[in-house]
N, C-alpha and C. Protein backbone atom coordinates (compact mmCIF):
# COMPACT_ATOMS: atom_id res chain seq x y z
N MET A 1 127.32 -59.38 263.08
CA MET A 1 128.54 -60.19 262.84
C MET A 1 129.58 -59.34 262.19
N GLU A 2 130.83 -59.34 262.65
CA GLU A 2 131.86 -58.49 262.10
C GLU A 2 132.71 -59.34 261.11
N HIS A 3 132.93 -58.70 259.88
CA HIS A 3 133.68 -59.33 258.82
C HIS A 3 135.15 -58.74 258.96
N VAL A 4 136.14 -59.67 258.83
CA VAL A 4 137.49 -59.21 259.02
C VAL A 4 138.18 -59.46 257.71
N PHE A 5 138.89 -58.37 257.16
CA PHE A 5 139.66 -58.41 255.89
C PHE A 5 140.98 -57.71 256.02
N THR A 6 141.92 -58.23 255.21
CA THR A 6 143.19 -57.53 254.93
C THR A 6 143.07 -57.11 253.52
N PRO A 7 142.61 -55.92 253.16
CA PRO A 7 142.35 -55.54 251.67
C PRO A 7 143.31 -55.90 250.70
N LEU A 8 144.65 -55.65 251.02
CA LEU A 8 145.69 -55.82 250.02
C LEU A 8 146.28 -57.19 250.11
N GLU A 9 145.68 -58.13 250.93
CA GLU A 9 146.06 -59.53 250.90
C GLU A 9 146.03 -60.09 249.56
N CYS A 10 145.13 -59.57 248.72
CA CYS A 10 144.95 -60.09 247.37
C CYS A 10 146.27 -59.87 246.50
N LEU A 11 147.05 -59.00 246.96
CA LEU A 11 148.39 -58.72 246.21
C LEU A 11 149.51 -59.49 246.75
N LEU A 12 149.34 -60.19 247.90
CA LEU A 12 150.42 -60.95 248.56
C LEU A 12 150.41 -62.38 247.99
N PRO A 13 151.57 -63.01 247.73
CA PRO A 13 151.64 -64.32 247.10
C PRO A 13 150.89 -65.35 247.97
N THR A 14 150.81 -65.17 249.19
CA THR A 14 150.19 -66.18 250.17
C THR A 14 148.72 -65.71 250.45
N GLY A 15 148.25 -64.68 249.90
CA GLY A 15 146.96 -64.16 250.22
C GLY A 15 145.89 -64.99 249.59
N ASN A 16 144.73 -65.17 250.28
CA ASN A 16 143.69 -65.91 249.76
C ASN A 16 142.32 -65.22 249.84
N LEU A 17 142.39 -63.90 250.01
CA LEU A 17 141.08 -63.08 249.97
C LEU A 17 140.58 -63.05 248.58
N LYS A 18 139.27 -63.41 248.52
CA LYS A 18 138.56 -63.32 247.21
C LYS A 18 137.99 -61.93 247.00
N ILE A 19 138.02 -61.37 245.83
CA ILE A 19 137.51 -60.12 245.56
C ILE A 19 136.70 -59.99 244.40
N CYS A 20 136.02 -58.82 244.10
CA CYS A 20 135.45 -58.47 242.76
C CYS A 20 136.23 -57.42 242.23
N LEU A 21 136.63 -57.57 240.92
CA LEU A 21 137.41 -56.66 240.18
C LEU A 21 136.61 -55.91 239.19
N LEU A 22 136.67 -54.53 239.39
CA LEU A 22 136.06 -53.60 238.55
C LEU A 22 136.96 -52.79 237.82
N ILE A 23 137.12 -52.94 236.52
CA ILE A 23 138.10 -52.35 235.67
C ILE A 23 137.51 -50.99 235.08
N LEU A 24 138.08 -49.88 235.31
CA LEU A 24 137.70 -48.60 234.81
C LEU A 24 138.48 -48.17 233.68
N ASN A 25 138.17 -47.06 233.06
CA ASN A 25 139.01 -46.54 231.88
C ASN A 25 140.03 -45.76 232.42
N GLN A 26 140.93 -46.48 233.10
CA GLN A 26 142.20 -45.77 233.67
C GLN A 26 143.43 -46.77 233.45
N PRO A 27 144.68 -46.14 233.45
CA PRO A 27 145.78 -47.14 233.24
C PRO A 27 145.87 -48.18 234.23
N LEU A 28 146.33 -49.37 233.77
CA LEU A 28 146.39 -50.52 234.61
C LEU A 28 147.90 -50.92 234.90
N ASP A 29 148.17 -51.29 235.96
CA ASP A 29 149.66 -51.85 236.30
C ASP A 29 149.54 -53.38 236.05
N LYS A 30 150.46 -53.83 235.09
CA LYS A 30 150.33 -55.19 234.68
C LYS A 30 150.51 -56.20 235.74
N GLY A 31 151.51 -55.90 236.66
CA GLY A 31 151.76 -56.77 237.76
C GLY A 31 150.64 -56.92 238.78
N HIS A 32 150.07 -55.83 239.17
CA HIS A 32 148.96 -55.87 240.10
C HIS A 32 147.69 -56.40 239.28
N PHE A 33 147.54 -56.05 238.10
CA PHE A 33 146.42 -56.66 237.32
C PHE A 33 146.34 -58.17 237.42
N HIS A 34 147.50 -58.78 237.14
CA HIS A 34 147.43 -60.33 237.11
C HIS A 34 147.13 -60.90 238.52
N HIS A 35 147.66 -60.33 239.60
CA HIS A 35 147.37 -60.77 240.95
C HIS A 35 145.86 -60.57 241.20
N LEU A 36 145.33 -59.37 240.87
CA LEU A 36 143.95 -59.15 241.15
C LEU A 36 142.96 -59.94 240.38
N TRP A 37 143.31 -60.18 239.07
CA TRP A 37 142.47 -61.00 238.20
C TRP A 37 142.38 -62.44 238.77
N SER A 38 143.54 -62.88 239.20
CA SER A 38 143.55 -64.36 239.70
C SER A 38 142.81 -64.56 240.99
N LYS A 39 142.64 -63.47 241.78
CA LYS A 39 141.91 -63.52 243.07
C LYS A 39 140.47 -63.26 242.84
N ALA A 40 139.98 -62.68 241.71
CA ALA A 40 138.65 -62.16 241.60
C ALA A 40 137.62 -63.32 241.37
N VAL A 41 136.57 -63.26 242.11
CA VAL A 41 135.37 -64.13 241.86
C VAL A 41 134.43 -63.67 240.90
N LEU A 42 134.48 -62.29 240.65
CA LEU A 42 133.64 -61.66 239.71
C LEU A 42 134.45 -60.58 239.11
N ARG A 43 134.38 -60.50 237.74
CA ARG A 43 135.23 -59.41 237.03
C ARG A 43 134.30 -58.68 236.13
N ALA A 44 134.40 -57.33 236.20
CA ALA A 44 133.56 -56.48 235.44
C ALA A 44 134.37 -55.36 234.85
N CYS A 45 133.83 -54.77 233.72
CA CYS A 45 134.43 -53.59 233.14
C CYS A 45 133.31 -52.52 233.13
N ALA A 46 133.67 -51.36 233.35
CA ALA A 46 132.79 -50.18 233.14
C ALA A 46 133.13 -49.55 231.86
N ASP A 47 132.34 -49.74 230.83
CA ASP A 47 132.39 -49.18 229.47
C ASP A 47 133.88 -49.20 229.00
N GLY A 48 134.55 -48.06 228.93
CA GLY A 48 135.97 -47.96 228.34
C GLY A 48 136.90 -48.80 229.12
N GLY A 49 136.60 -49.31 230.31
CA GLY A 49 137.51 -50.19 230.96
C GLY A 49 137.76 -51.50 230.21
N ALA A 50 136.86 -51.87 229.34
CA ALA A 50 137.00 -52.98 228.51
C ALA A 50 138.09 -52.75 227.46
N ASN A 51 138.29 -51.53 227.03
CA ASN A 51 139.56 -51.20 226.14
C ASN A 51 140.74 -51.45 226.85
N ARG A 52 140.84 -51.01 228.12
CA ARG A 52 141.99 -51.22 228.97
C ARG A 52 142.39 -52.73 229.14
N LEU A 53 141.33 -53.43 229.43
CA LEU A 53 141.48 -54.95 229.69
C LEU A 53 141.97 -55.60 228.34
N TYR A 54 141.38 -55.23 227.30
CA TYR A 54 141.76 -55.83 225.99
C TYR A 54 143.24 -55.56 225.69
N HIS A 55 143.74 -54.33 225.93
CA HIS A 55 145.06 -53.96 225.57
C HIS A 55 146.10 -54.57 226.52
N ILE A 56 145.74 -54.73 227.80
CA ILE A 56 146.72 -55.17 228.72
C ILE A 56 146.82 -56.76 228.60
N THR A 57 145.82 -57.41 227.95
CA THR A 57 145.83 -58.84 227.84
C THR A 57 146.26 -59.18 226.39
N GLU A 58 146.81 -58.26 225.60
CA GLU A 58 147.27 -58.49 224.28
C GLU A 58 147.97 -59.90 224.03
N GLY A 59 147.44 -60.65 223.02
CA GLY A 59 147.96 -61.99 222.77
C GLY A 59 147.39 -63.11 223.59
N ASN A 60 146.53 -62.72 224.58
CA ASN A 60 145.91 -63.78 225.43
C ASN A 60 144.48 -63.45 225.88
N HIS A 61 143.79 -62.68 224.94
CA HIS A 61 142.54 -62.22 225.32
C HIS A 61 141.51 -63.22 225.84
N GLU A 62 141.56 -64.44 225.24
CA GLU A 62 140.57 -65.54 225.59
C GLU A 62 140.71 -65.93 227.04
N SER A 63 141.77 -65.69 227.67
CA SER A 63 142.13 -66.16 229.05
C SER A 63 141.64 -65.07 230.09
N PHE A 64 141.21 -63.87 229.49
CA PHE A 64 140.82 -62.74 230.40
C PHE A 64 139.50 -62.15 229.99
N LEU A 65 138.41 -62.94 230.16
CA LEU A 65 137.14 -62.51 229.69
C LEU A 65 136.33 -62.04 230.92
N PRO A 66 135.77 -60.75 230.93
CA PRO A 66 135.02 -60.31 232.05
C PRO A 66 133.68 -61.03 232.10
N ASP A 67 133.12 -61.04 233.41
CA ASP A 67 131.81 -61.58 233.59
C ASP A 67 130.68 -60.69 232.90
N TYR A 68 130.93 -59.34 232.95
CA TYR A 68 130.08 -58.45 232.37
C TYR A 68 130.76 -57.10 232.08
N ILE A 69 130.25 -56.48 231.00
CA ILE A 69 130.60 -55.04 230.69
C ILE A 69 129.40 -54.22 230.75
N SER A 70 129.43 -52.99 231.47
CA SER A 70 128.24 -52.29 231.53
C SER A 70 128.59 -50.82 231.25
N GLY A 71 127.55 -50.08 230.84
CA GLY A 71 127.82 -48.66 230.57
C GLY A 71 126.88 -48.25 229.48
N ASP A 72 127.01 -46.98 228.98
CA ASP A 72 126.25 -46.48 227.81
C ASP A 72 126.90 -46.73 226.50
N PHE A 73 128.10 -47.44 226.68
CA PHE A 73 128.88 -47.91 225.50
C PHE A 73 129.30 -46.79 224.58
N ASP A 74 129.52 -45.58 225.12
CA ASP A 74 130.10 -44.45 224.23
C ASP A 74 131.60 -44.44 224.29
N SER A 75 132.30 -45.28 225.16
CA SER A 75 133.67 -45.26 225.27
C SER A 75 134.35 -46.54 224.73
N ILE A 76 133.62 -47.71 224.84
CA ILE A 76 134.30 -48.97 224.39
C ILE A 76 134.31 -48.89 222.84
N LYS A 77 135.43 -49.32 222.30
CA LYS A 77 135.68 -49.36 220.88
C LYS A 77 134.75 -50.47 220.24
N PRO A 78 134.08 -50.18 219.12
CA PRO A 78 133.10 -51.15 218.61
C PRO A 78 133.71 -52.56 218.35
N ASP A 79 134.94 -52.56 217.90
CA ASP A 79 135.49 -53.99 217.58
C ASP A 79 135.82 -54.68 218.90
N ILE A 80 136.17 -53.95 219.95
CA ILE A 80 136.40 -54.61 221.27
C ILE A 80 135.09 -55.12 221.81
N LYS A 81 134.04 -54.24 221.77
CA LYS A 81 132.69 -54.61 222.21
C LYS A 81 132.28 -55.95 221.47
N GLU A 82 132.45 -55.94 220.19
CA GLU A 82 132.09 -57.09 219.39
C GLU A 82 132.81 -58.32 219.77
N TYR A 83 134.11 -58.16 220.02
CA TYR A 83 134.94 -59.28 220.43
C TYR A 83 134.39 -59.91 221.75
N TYR A 84 134.13 -59.10 222.77
CA TYR A 84 133.68 -59.63 224.06
C TYR A 84 132.31 -60.26 223.89
N LYS A 85 131.47 -59.64 223.05
CA LYS A 85 130.14 -60.14 222.86
C LYS A 85 130.21 -61.53 222.25
N SER A 86 131.17 -61.70 221.20
CA SER A 86 131.31 -62.93 220.51
C SER A 86 131.90 -64.02 221.49
N GLN A 87 132.55 -63.66 222.52
CA GLN A 87 133.09 -64.54 223.52
C GLN A 87 132.09 -64.97 224.65
N GLY A 88 130.85 -64.35 224.59
CA GLY A 88 129.81 -64.77 225.53
C GLY A 88 129.78 -63.92 226.79
N CYS A 89 130.62 -62.74 226.80
CA CYS A 89 130.52 -61.92 227.93
C CYS A 89 129.20 -61.10 227.92
N GLU A 90 128.65 -60.95 229.10
CA GLU A 90 127.39 -60.24 229.27
C GLU A 90 127.59 -58.77 229.09
N LEU A 91 126.89 -58.15 228.15
CA LEU A 91 126.90 -56.79 227.90
C LEU A 91 125.54 -56.12 228.51
N ILE A 92 125.75 -55.19 229.39
CA ILE A 92 124.61 -54.66 230.09
C ILE A 92 124.55 -53.16 229.74
N GLU A 93 123.70 -52.72 228.83
CA GLU A 93 123.59 -51.32 228.53
C GLU A 93 122.79 -50.48 229.60
N THR A 94 123.47 -49.56 230.09
CA THR A 94 122.95 -48.63 231.15
C THR A 94 122.88 -47.22 230.72
N PRO A 95 121.88 -46.77 229.87
CA PRO A 95 121.98 -45.46 229.30
C PRO A 95 121.56 -44.28 230.18
N ASP A 96 121.33 -44.57 231.47
CA ASP A 96 120.96 -43.44 232.37
C ASP A 96 122.09 -42.36 232.47
N GLN A 97 121.78 -41.15 232.00
CA GLN A 97 122.85 -40.16 231.98
C GLN A 97 123.02 -39.42 233.35
N ASP A 98 122.16 -39.68 234.32
CA ASP A 98 122.29 -39.10 235.72
C ASP A 98 123.36 -39.76 236.51
N LEU A 99 123.78 -40.86 236.10
CA LEU A 99 124.83 -41.67 236.86
C LEU A 99 125.94 -41.98 235.96
N THR A 100 127.18 -42.05 236.55
CA THR A 100 128.46 -42.39 235.78
C THR A 100 128.39 -43.86 235.58
N ASP A 101 129.20 -44.33 234.49
CA ASP A 101 129.25 -45.73 234.21
C ASP A 101 129.94 -46.47 235.45
N PHE A 102 130.87 -45.83 236.13
CA PHE A 102 131.31 -46.42 237.36
C PHE A 102 130.21 -46.71 238.40
N THR A 103 129.38 -45.76 238.65
CA THR A 103 128.26 -45.95 239.64
C THR A 103 127.32 -47.00 239.12
N LYS A 104 127.00 -47.06 237.89
CA LYS A 104 126.08 -48.08 237.29
C LYS A 104 126.69 -49.39 237.37
N CYS A 105 127.95 -49.56 237.13
CA CYS A 105 128.60 -50.84 237.18
C CYS A 105 128.66 -51.33 238.61
N LEU A 106 128.96 -50.40 239.59
CA LEU A 106 128.86 -50.76 240.99
C LEU A 106 127.53 -51.25 241.38
N GLN A 107 126.49 -50.65 240.95
CA GLN A 107 125.15 -51.03 241.35
C GLN A 107 124.87 -52.45 240.75
N ILE A 108 125.29 -52.82 239.62
CA ILE A 108 125.15 -54.17 239.09
C ILE A 108 125.93 -55.18 239.98
N LEU A 109 127.20 -54.74 240.26
CA LEU A 109 128.01 -55.59 241.15
C LEU A 109 127.33 -55.83 242.49
N GLN A 110 126.72 -54.80 243.02
CA GLN A 110 126.00 -54.96 244.26
C GLN A 110 124.88 -56.00 244.18
N GLN A 111 124.19 -55.90 243.05
CA GLN A 111 123.05 -56.84 242.92
C GLN A 111 123.55 -58.26 242.80
N LYS A 112 124.68 -58.41 242.14
CA LYS A 112 125.16 -59.82 241.85
C LYS A 112 125.89 -60.37 243.12
N THR A 113 126.25 -59.47 244.09
CA THR A 113 126.90 -59.99 245.29
C THR A 113 126.03 -59.84 246.59
N GLU A 114 124.77 -59.38 246.47
CA GLU A 114 124.00 -59.08 247.63
C GLU A 114 123.75 -60.37 248.44
N LYS A 115 123.70 -61.54 247.76
CA LYS A 115 123.40 -62.67 248.46
C LYS A 115 124.48 -63.07 249.42
N LYS A 116 125.69 -62.54 249.34
CA LYS A 116 126.75 -62.90 250.21
C LYS A 116 126.65 -62.22 251.54
N GLY A 117 125.78 -61.28 251.73
CA GLY A 117 125.50 -60.63 253.18
C GLY A 117 126.75 -59.87 253.64
N LEU A 118 127.48 -59.14 252.84
CA LEU A 118 128.64 -58.40 253.39
C LEU A 118 128.27 -56.91 253.73
N GLN A 119 127.25 -56.69 254.52
CA GLN A 119 126.95 -55.46 255.04
C GLN A 119 127.40 -55.43 256.56
N GLY A 120 127.16 -54.24 257.17
CA GLY A 120 127.31 -54.31 258.64
C GLY A 120 128.67 -53.84 259.12
N LYS A 121 129.34 -54.65 259.96
CA LYS A 121 130.58 -54.31 260.61
C LYS A 121 131.76 -54.98 259.98
N HIS A 122 132.81 -54.18 259.75
CA HIS A 122 134.06 -54.75 259.04
C HIS A 122 135.24 -54.24 259.83
N LYS A 123 136.17 -55.12 259.84
CA LYS A 123 137.58 -54.85 260.47
C LYS A 123 138.52 -55.14 259.33
N LEU A 124 139.34 -53.97 258.92
CA LEU A 124 140.26 -54.09 257.87
C LEU A 124 141.69 -54.00 258.45
N TYR A 125 142.57 -54.92 258.08
CA TYR A 125 143.93 -54.88 258.54
C TYR A 125 144.68 -54.14 257.43
N VAL A 126 145.31 -53.03 257.65
CA VAL A 126 146.01 -52.27 256.59
C VAL A 126 147.47 -52.04 256.86
N ASN A 127 148.04 -53.17 257.11
CA ASN A 127 149.53 -53.26 257.49
C ASN A 127 150.23 -54.24 256.66
N THR A 128 150.02 -54.45 255.47
CA THR A 128 150.77 -55.35 254.63
C THR A 128 152.12 -54.80 254.10
N GLY A 129 152.26 -53.48 254.23
CA GLY A 129 153.42 -52.81 253.58
C GLY A 129 153.17 -52.37 252.19
N LEU A 130 152.02 -52.73 251.65
CA LEU A 130 151.72 -52.44 250.20
C LEU A 130 150.80 -51.20 250.13
N GLU A 131 150.31 -50.85 251.16
CA GLU A 131 149.33 -49.69 251.31
C GLU A 131 150.00 -48.33 250.82
N GLY A 132 149.20 -47.63 250.05
CA GLY A 132 149.63 -46.24 249.74
C GLY A 132 149.15 -45.38 250.87
N LYS A 133 149.29 -44.06 250.83
CA LYS A 133 148.86 -43.20 251.91
C LYS A 133 147.45 -42.86 252.01
N TRP A 134 146.63 -43.01 250.95
CA TRP A 134 145.32 -42.58 250.97
C TRP A 134 144.31 -43.67 250.94
N CYS A 135 143.14 -43.39 251.47
CA CYS A 135 141.97 -44.41 251.38
C CYS A 135 140.72 -43.57 251.36
N GLY A 136 139.56 -44.30 251.10
CA GLY A 136 138.33 -43.68 251.10
C GLY A 136 137.17 -44.47 251.22
N LEU A 137 136.04 -43.94 251.45
CA LEU A 137 134.75 -44.76 251.51
C LEU A 137 133.76 -44.04 250.55
N ILE A 138 133.26 -44.80 249.63
CA ILE A 138 132.19 -44.21 248.66
C ILE A 138 130.95 -44.91 248.68
N PRO A 139 129.80 -44.33 248.91
CA PRO A 139 128.47 -45.00 248.96
C PRO A 139 128.11 -45.45 247.60
N VAL A 140 127.38 -46.55 247.57
CA VAL A 140 126.98 -47.20 246.35
C VAL A 140 125.41 -46.97 246.28
N GLY A 141 125.00 -46.06 245.41
CA GLY A 141 123.48 -45.88 245.24
C GLY A 141 122.90 -45.14 246.36
N ASN A 142 122.50 -45.67 247.53
CA ASN A 142 121.86 -45.09 248.56
C ASN A 142 122.88 -44.41 249.54
N SER A 143 122.36 -43.45 250.37
CA SER A 143 123.20 -42.89 251.36
C SER A 143 123.65 -43.91 252.45
N CYS A 144 124.72 -43.75 253.11
CA CYS A 144 125.09 -44.70 254.13
C CYS A 144 125.35 -43.87 255.42
N ASN A 145 124.93 -44.48 256.55
CA ASN A 145 125.25 -43.97 257.88
C ASN A 145 126.52 -44.68 258.25
N VAL A 146 127.63 -43.99 258.57
CA VAL A 146 128.87 -44.75 258.74
C VAL A 146 129.51 -44.28 260.07
N VAL A 147 130.21 -45.31 260.69
CA VAL A 147 131.02 -45.07 261.84
C VAL A 147 132.38 -45.72 261.60
N THR A 148 133.55 -45.03 261.73
CA THR A 148 134.79 -45.66 261.53
C THR A 148 135.76 -45.42 262.72
N THR A 149 136.74 -46.22 262.88
CA THR A 149 137.92 -45.93 263.70
C THR A 149 139.15 -46.32 262.91
N GLY A 150 140.29 -45.75 263.32
CA GLY A 150 141.59 -46.05 262.68
C GLY A 150 141.94 -45.16 261.63
N LEU A 151 141.07 -44.17 261.24
CA LEU A 151 141.35 -43.19 260.10
C LEU A 151 141.71 -41.88 260.70
N LYS A 152 142.49 -41.05 259.99
CA LYS A 152 142.82 -39.70 260.40
C LYS A 152 141.60 -38.94 260.64
N TRP A 153 140.58 -39.04 259.70
CA TRP A 153 139.39 -38.38 259.83
C TRP A 153 138.25 -39.37 259.95
N ASN A 154 137.95 -39.81 261.19
CA ASN A 154 136.87 -40.81 261.39
C ASN A 154 135.55 -40.21 261.16
N LEU A 155 134.70 -41.08 260.84
CA LEU A 155 133.30 -40.76 260.62
C LEU A 155 132.45 -41.19 261.82
N ASN A 156 131.60 -40.41 262.41
CA ASN A 156 130.84 -40.81 263.59
C ASN A 156 129.35 -40.60 263.26
N ARG A 157 128.72 -41.62 262.77
CA ARG A 157 127.38 -41.59 262.30
C ARG A 157 127.09 -40.56 261.19
N SER A 158 128.19 -40.35 260.45
CA SER A 158 128.13 -39.44 259.35
C SER A 158 127.39 -40.07 258.15
N VAL A 159 126.68 -39.29 257.48
CA VAL A 159 125.89 -39.64 256.36
C VAL A 159 126.76 -39.42 255.01
N LEU A 160 127.13 -40.57 254.39
CA LEU A 160 127.92 -40.41 253.13
C LEU A 160 126.90 -40.54 251.96
N LYS A 161 126.94 -39.53 251.10
CA LYS A 161 126.00 -39.53 249.91
C LYS A 161 126.57 -38.54 248.84
N PHE A 162 126.53 -39.00 247.66
CA PHE A 162 127.06 -38.11 246.57
C PHE A 162 126.28 -36.86 246.55
N GLY A 163 127.02 -35.69 246.40
CA GLY A 163 126.26 -34.40 246.40
C GLY A 163 126.32 -33.79 247.74
N THR A 164 126.67 -34.55 248.83
CA THR A 164 126.84 -34.01 250.16
C THR A 164 128.17 -34.31 250.71
N LEU A 165 128.36 -35.53 251.26
CA LEU A 165 129.66 -35.90 251.86
C LEU A 165 130.04 -37.31 251.23
N VAL A 166 131.28 -37.32 250.70
CA VAL A 166 131.91 -38.54 250.21
C VAL A 166 133.32 -38.45 250.77
N SER A 167 133.80 -39.63 251.43
CA SER A 167 135.10 -39.62 252.07
C SER A 167 136.13 -40.17 251.11
N THR A 168 136.75 -39.42 250.19
CA THR A 168 137.63 -40.01 249.21
C THR A 168 139.08 -39.68 249.51
N SER A 169 139.38 -38.82 250.41
CA SER A 169 140.79 -38.34 250.61
C SER A 169 141.17 -38.49 252.20
N ASN A 170 140.95 -39.66 252.58
CA ASN A 170 141.37 -40.01 254.02
C ASN A 170 142.76 -40.59 254.05
N THR A 171 143.19 -40.98 255.23
CA THR A 171 144.46 -41.71 255.46
C THR A 171 144.31 -42.47 256.76
N TYR A 172 145.36 -43.38 257.05
CA TYR A 172 145.39 -44.10 258.22
C TYR A 172 145.96 -43.47 259.41
N GLU A 173 145.48 -43.87 260.68
CA GLU A 173 146.06 -43.55 261.85
C GLU A 173 146.45 -44.76 262.62
N SER A 174 146.11 -45.95 262.07
CA SER A 174 146.23 -47.24 262.76
C SER A 174 146.43 -48.35 261.70
N SER A 175 146.86 -49.46 262.13
CA SER A 175 146.99 -50.56 261.25
C SER A 175 145.73 -51.38 261.10
N VAL A 176 144.69 -51.04 262.00
CA VAL A 176 143.38 -51.65 261.91
C VAL A 176 142.35 -50.46 261.71
N VAL A 177 141.51 -50.72 260.75
CA VAL A 177 140.41 -49.78 260.50
C VAL A 177 139.10 -50.50 260.66
N THR A 178 138.23 -49.92 261.44
CA THR A 178 136.79 -50.51 261.54
C THR A 178 135.84 -49.66 260.83
N ILE A 179 134.88 -50.32 260.21
CA ILE A 179 133.82 -49.66 259.49
C ILE A 179 132.49 -50.24 259.80
N GLU A 180 131.55 -49.46 260.13
CA GLU A 180 130.18 -49.93 260.38
C GLU A 180 129.24 -49.08 259.43
N THR A 181 128.53 -49.70 258.74
CA THR A 181 127.62 -49.07 257.74
C THR A 181 126.28 -49.80 257.66
N ASP A 182 125.25 -48.96 257.24
CA ASP A 182 123.85 -49.59 257.11
C ASP A 182 123.46 -49.84 255.70
N ASN A 183 124.38 -49.34 254.82
CA ASN A 183 124.09 -49.55 253.32
C ASN A 183 125.43 -49.91 252.65
N PRO A 184 125.42 -50.47 251.49
CA PRO A 184 126.69 -50.79 250.74
C PRO A 184 127.55 -49.54 250.47
N LEU A 185 128.85 -49.79 250.61
CA LEU A 185 129.81 -48.72 250.22
C LEU A 185 131.02 -49.43 249.80
N VAL A 186 131.86 -48.61 249.08
CA VAL A 186 133.16 -49.17 248.49
C VAL A 186 134.29 -48.60 249.25
N TRP A 187 135.18 -49.55 249.75
CA TRP A 187 136.47 -49.20 250.35
C TRP A 187 137.46 -48.95 249.24
N THR A 188 138.11 -47.88 249.22
CA THR A 188 139.05 -47.68 248.18
C THR A 188 140.42 -47.26 248.89
N MET A 189 141.48 -47.66 248.26
CA MET A 189 142.82 -47.28 248.92
C MET A 189 143.95 -47.36 247.89
N GLY A 190 144.98 -46.53 248.10
CA GLY A 190 146.07 -46.52 247.23
C GLY A 190 147.03 -47.69 247.44
N ILE A 191 147.81 -48.00 246.47
CA ILE A 191 148.86 -49.06 246.46
C ILE A 191 150.09 -48.46 246.26
N LYS A 192 151.14 -48.78 247.16
CA LYS A 192 152.45 -48.18 247.04
C LYS A 192 153.04 -48.44 245.68
N ASP A 193 153.70 -47.55 245.05
CA ASP A 193 154.29 -47.78 243.80
C ASP A 193 155.56 -48.71 244.09
N GLN A 194 155.56 -49.81 243.45
CA GLN A 194 156.54 -50.88 243.80
C GLN A 194 157.90 -50.40 243.53
N GLU A 195 158.17 -49.44 242.59
CA GLU A 195 159.47 -49.00 242.27
C GLU A 195 160.03 -48.10 243.32
N ARG A 196 159.17 -47.40 244.09
CA ARG A 196 159.57 -46.65 245.08
C ARG A 196 159.60 -47.29 246.45
N ALA A 197 158.98 -48.49 246.57
CA ALA A 197 158.88 -49.22 247.79
C ALA A 197 160.27 -49.73 248.25
């Protein structure tokens, strides 16, 4: 079965695509953040990402509680960690130093969404006008056998795996991208800077 998505539909006022939101320890765009938060069915922070969430929701923290925060907790500020804990957020300590907090958080996200059956074939419509120039495919945990169309550098039964090949710097050749994979991977893409659009 082929799954059809318009990835940036979640930023359109009329969009109804449901997403999982993973907040990293990187600057957040307030406008995009509110759109993404409202569309998310699952919201998570990777360690120091909780600091970013806490600061961007200043004055309204109780309305923006993540489903879980994971990591080795070396980046989250102790008072912020205690706040989210007191609010009932799930704190999942992942001390494994062989993996990044991002990878560990993605693995938990994968476990929580596995029941939805979103592996296999996907068709992505990347013509909303909000897309930036770059896109990429990142394997989650296991290596992935991947076939794509519509990208500048398509993959043809290529194996994506950290330490060998990861497609993080690709771009579009078409308004439709197809992806076929045998294991979970993350689709990542840039968003046009609204002030330059």
